[in-house]
C-alpha cells in the first residue's frame, strides 16, 4: 500500500496536508470521503443517497458547500 498526501483548505482557511494509505491514487471523491471521515466523523455517517447518482462527486460538493473544505491536490507522500 502506498501513502498519499491530500492537500486541502480547511474550514478556517488554513492549507492542511493529511496522509492516507491506499492501493492506488484516490479519486477526488475518495479523497473527500477520507477527509470527511477524519474531520467531520458525524457527517460521514449521514446518508448521501439523495445526491448519489444525480450529482457528480457529491461528497466533494458537500464538503465545500457545508464545511468550507476544498481539496487542492492529491500526490504521493515522500
Protein backbone atom coordinates (compact mmCIF):
# COMPACT_ATOMS: atom_id res chain seq x y z
CA UNK A 1 0.00 0.00 0.00
CA UNK A 2 1.18 3.48 -0.83
CA UNK A 3 0.86 6.66 1.21
CA UNK A 4 -0.83 9.65 -0.41
CA UNK A 5 -0.94 13.18 0.82
CA UNK A 6 -4.05 15.20 0.30
CA UNK A 7 -3.67 18.97 0.43
CA UNK A 8 -6.80 20.94 1.22
CA UNK A 9 -8.05 24.19 2.68
CA UNK A 10 -9.86 23.53 5.94
CA UNK A 11 -12.89 25.30 7.37
CA UNK A 12 -10.65 28.01 8.89
CA UNK A 13 -8.99 28.83 5.56
CA UNK A 14 -5.74 27.12 6.54
CA UNK A 15 -3.97 24.94 3.98
CA UNK A 16 -3.54 21.48 5.53
CA UNK A 17 -1.90 18.23 4.42
CA UNK A 18 -3.10 14.82 5.63
CA UNK A 19 -1.63 11.44 4.70
CA UNK A 20 -3.71 8.38 3.89
CA UNK A 21 -2.78 4.85 2.82
CA UNK A 22 -4.39 3.47 -0.36
CA UNK A 23 -3.57 0.87 -3.01
CA UNK A 24 -3.76 3.45 -5.79
CA UNK A 25 -4.19 7.20 -6.16
CA UNK A 26 -7.57 8.16 -4.67
CA UNK A 27 -10.06 10.00 -6.83
CA UNK A 28 -11.28 13.41 -5.74
CA UNK A 29 -14.45 11.78 -4.36
CA UNK A 30 -12.44 9.11 -2.48
CA UNK A 31 -10.21 11.82 -1.02
CA UNK A 32 -13.29 13.76 0.07
CA UNK A 33 -14.61 10.65 1.86
CA UNK A 34 -11.30 10.17 3.70
CA UNK A 35 -11.12 13.83 4.76
CA UNK A 36 -14.75 13.87 5.82
CA UNK A 37 -14.27 10.69 7.89
CA UNK A 38 -11.33 12.29 9.70
CA UNK A 39 -12.52 15.89 10.14
CA UNK A 40 -16.31 15.56 10.29
CA UNK A 41 -16.95 12.00 11.53
CA UNK A 42 -20.61 12.61 12.42
CA UNK A 43 -21.37 13.89 8.91
CA UNK A 44 -19.61 10.84 7.48
CA UNK A 45 -22.38 8.68 8.93
CA UNK A 46 -25.13 10.62 7.12
CA UNK A 47 -26.80 9.02 4.14
CA UNK A 48 -26.00 10.95 0.96
CA UNK A 49 -28.23 8.69 -1.05
CA UNK A 50 -30.32 11.66 -2.16
CA UNK A 51 -27.35 13.16 -4.00
CA UNK A 52 -25.62 9.98 -5.15
CA UNK A 53 -26.30 9.19 -8.77
CA UNK A 54 -27.59 12.68 -9.51
CA UNK A 55 -24.62 14.89 -8.75
CA UNK A 56 -21.06 14.17 -9.79
CA UNK A 57 -18.80 13.90 -6.73
CA UNK A 58 -21.47 14.60 -4.07
CA UNK A 59 -19.06 14.40 -1.12
CA UNK A 60 -16.70 16.95 -2.70
CA UNK A 61 -19.64 19.32 -3.16
CA UNK A 62 -20.96 18.84 0.39
CA UNK A 63 -17.51 19.35 1.95
CA UNK A 64 -17.13 22.62 0.06
CA UNK A 65 -20.70 23.91 0.48
CA UNK A 66 -21.37 22.88 4.09
CA UNK A 67 -17.92 22.66 5.67
CA UNK A 68 -15.84 25.10 3.55
CA UNK A 69 -13.27 22.37 2.90
CA UNK A 70 -11.73 22.33 -0.59
CA UNK A 71 -9.27 19.71 -1.86
CA UNK A 72 -6.32 21.28 -3.68
CA UNK A 73 -4.02 18.34 -4.51
CA UNK A 74 -3.56 14.58 -4.22
CA UNK A 75 0.03 13.39 -4.54
CA UNK A 76 2.30 10.52 -3.42
CA UNK A 77 3.81 11.05 0.03
CA UNK A 78 7.57 11.46 0.05
